[in-house]
Amino acid sequence: MKARVKWVEDVLFLGQSGTGHTVVMEGPAEAGGQGTGMRPMELLLLGMAGCTAYDVVGILKNSKQEISDCDVSVTAERADDMPKVFTKIHVHYKIRGRQVKPNFVERAIKQSTEKYCSASIMLGKTAEISHAFDIEEIN
């Protein structure tokens, strides 16, 4: 896996993945950021949310659960002092579908966070990670 970051100006950077996708990153307003890009730590949270969402959707589909949507929200707290690592992360899954069994969702989240989601496992080295979920029944 490869990645590249190019400085544009001030605190603005372009990140490019090895697959050729680009993202705009920027420092905070207090350092001169203009609000045109995501902060690098925001990208870490998005990466973790995407990683676990991918796992949970795949596990539920493989378990023959009839899901139509998965929305993952993440909130985090950081250390006050440098390095300002994440210290607490809460992940909330909103699953929509027909007759989705809660024990299957619990199992999918557990498998993702303990076995498959590399991002969650890495961030769990510095942060206490908690999880919750809701299931919305659709007709």
Protein backbone atom coordinates (compact mmCIF):
# COMPACT_ATOMS: atom_id res chain seq x y z
CA MET A 1 0.00 0.00 0.00
CA LYS A 2 1.28 3.45 -0.86
CA ALA A 3 0.18 7.04 -0.29
CA ARG A 4 1.52 10.48 -1.10
CA VAL A 5 0.84 13.92 0.38
CA LYS A 6 1.69 17.13 -1.48
CA TRP A 7 1.83 20.51 0.20
CA VAL A 8 -0.24 23.06 -1.75
CA GLU A 9 0.07 26.23 0.36
CA ASP A 10 -0.18 27.44 3.94
CA VAL A 11 -1.72 24.44 5.80
CA LEU A 12 -3.40 22.91 2.73
CA PHE A 13 -2.33 19.49 1.43
CA LEU A 14 -3.50 17.02 -1.20
CA GLY A 15 -3.35 13.35 -0.31
CA GLN A 16 -3.29 10.71 -3.00
CA SER A 17 -3.78 7.02 -2.39
CA GLY A 18 -1.91 4.32 -4.22
CA THR A 19 -5.12 3.65 -6.14
CA GLY A 20 -5.13 7.24 -7.44
CA HIS A 21 -7.90 8.75 -5.31
CA THR A 22 -7.34 12.26 -3.97
CA VAL A 23 -8.48 13.98 -0.78
CA VAL A 24 -8.00 17.58 0.37
CA MET A 25 -6.55 17.95 3.88
CA GLU A 26 -6.07 21.11 5.86
CA GLY A 27 -4.88 22.23 9.25
CA PRO A 28 -7.12 23.92 11.81
CA ALA A 29 -8.34 27.52 11.55
CA GLU A 30 -6.02 28.58 14.37
CA ALA A 31 -3.08 27.49 12.19
CA GLY A 32 -4.40 29.27 9.10
CA GLY A 33 -6.83 26.71 7.73
CA GLN A 34 -9.64 28.07 5.57
CA GLY A 35 -12.09 25.20 6.00
CA THR A 36 -11.50 23.77 2.52
CA GLY A 37 -10.31 20.33 3.55
CA MET A 38 -10.65 17.64 6.15
CA ARG A 39 -8.33 17.50 9.10
CA PRO A 40 -6.03 14.45 9.07
CA MET A 41 -7.47 13.14 12.35
CA GLU A 42 -10.97 13.37 10.85
CA LEU A 43 -9.73 11.12 8.06
CA LEU A 44 -8.58 8.58 10.63
CA LEU A 45 -12.09 8.45 12.12
CA LEU A 46 -13.66 8.21 8.65
CA GLY A 47 -11.28 5.40 7.79
CA MET A 48 -12.22 3.50 10.93
CA ALA A 49 -15.95 4.05 10.32
CA GLY A 50 -15.61 2.92 6.71
CA CYS A 51 -13.60 -0.13 7.69
CA THR A 52 -16.08 -1.36 10.30
CA ALA A 53 -19.11 -0.49 8.13
CA TYR A 54 -17.63 -2.57 5.30
CA ASP A 55 -17.15 -5.51 7.67
CA VAL A 56 -20.56 -5.30 9.35
CA VAL A 57 -22.44 -5.04 6.04
CA GLY A 58 -20.51 -7.99 4.61
CA ILE A 59 -20.97 -10.15 7.70
CA LEU A 60 -24.71 -9.40 7.89
CA LYS A 61 -25.21 -10.10 4.19
CA ASN A 62 -23.27 -13.37 4.50
CA SER A 63 -25.52 -14.22 7.46
CA LYS A 64 -28.56 -13.82 5.18
CA GLN A 65 -29.81 -10.76 7.08
CA GLU A 66 -32.01 -8.61 4.85
CA ILE A 67 -30.38 -5.21 5.36
CA SER A 68 -31.03 -2.17 3.19
CA ASP A 69 -28.84 0.44 4.92
CA CYS A 70 -25.98 0.81 7.37
CA ASP A 71 -25.10 4.23 8.76
CA VAL A 72 -22.10 4.46 11.10
CA SER A 73 -21.60 7.56 13.27
CA VAL A 74 -18.39 8.08 15.19
CA THR A 75 -17.60 10.54 17.99
CA ALA A 76 -14.19 10.84 19.59
CA GLU A 77 -12.26 12.54 22.35
CA ARG A 78 -8.56 13.36 22.14
CA ALA A 79 -5.80 13.80 24.70
CA ASP A 80 -5.21 17.37 25.87
CA ASP A 81 -1.44 17.11 25.50
CA MET A 82 0.75 16.19 22.56
CA PRO A 83 0.52 13.77 20.97
CA LYS A 84 -3.23 14.40 20.89
CA VAL A 85 -4.18 10.78 20.29
CA PHE A 86 -7.75 9.58 20.44
CA THR A 87 -8.59 8.50 23.99
CA LYS A 88 -12.28 7.61 23.58
CA ILE A 89 -14.20 6.64 20.48
CA HIS A 90 -17.88 5.78 20.32
CA VAL A 91 -19.23 4.01 17.25
CA HIS A 92 -22.97 3.91 16.61
CA TYR A 93 -24.42 1.69 13.88
CA LYS A 94 -27.88 2.30 12.47
CA ILE A 95 -29.04 -0.75 10.55
CA ARG A 96 -32.17 -0.72 8.42
CA GLY A 97 -33.78 -3.85 7.08
CA ARG A 98 -36.41 -6.55 7.39
CA GLN A 99 -36.41 -8.83 10.41
CA VAL A 100 -32.75 -8.15 11.18
CA LYS A 101 -31.83 -10.12 14.28
CA PRO A 102 -30.09 -8.09 17.02
CA ASN A 103 -27.79 -11.00 17.98
CA PHE A 104 -26.53 -11.12 14.38
CA VAL A 105 -25.75 -7.39 14.48
CA GLU A 106 -23.95 -7.78 17.82
CA ARG A 107 -21.92 -10.65 16.43
CA ALA A 108 -21.04 -8.73 13.26
CA ILE A 109 -19.84 -5.73 15.28
CA LYS A 110 -17.81 -7.96 17.60
CA GLN A 111 -16.17 -9.76 14.67
CA SER A 112 -15.39 -6.49 12.95
CA THR A 113 -13.87 -4.80 15.98
CA GLU A 114 -11.97 -7.81 17.33
CA LYS A 115 -10.87 -9.60 14.17
CA TYR A 116 -11.35 -7.84 10.84
CA CYS A 117 -11.21 -4.03 11.13
CA SER A 118 -7.53 -3.15 11.18
CA ALA A 119 -8.33 0.54 11.77
CA SER A 120 -10.42 -0.19 14.89
CA ILE A 121 -7.80 -2.55 16.24
CA MET A 122 -5.01 0.01 15.72
CA LEU A 123 -6.96 2.92 17.22
CA GLY A 124 -7.95 0.66 20.11
CA LYS A 125 -4.29 0.70 21.21
CA THR A 126 -4.73 4.29 22.48
CA ALA A 127 -8.49 4.74 22.72
CA GLU A 128 -11.29 3.11 24.65
CA ILE A 129 -13.76 2.15 21.92
CA SER A 130 -17.43 1.61 22.67
CA HIS A 131 -20.22 0.48 20.36
CA ALA A 132 -23.99 0.73 20.14
CA PHE A 133 -26.55 -0.03 17.47
CA ASP A 134 -30.15 0.51 16.50
CA ILE A 135 -32.18 -1.55 14.08
CA GLU A 136 -34.93 0.15 12.10
CA GLU A 137 -37.51 -2.23 10.70
CA ILE A 138 -38.69 -1.45 7.17
CA ASN A 139 -41.72 -2.85 5.39
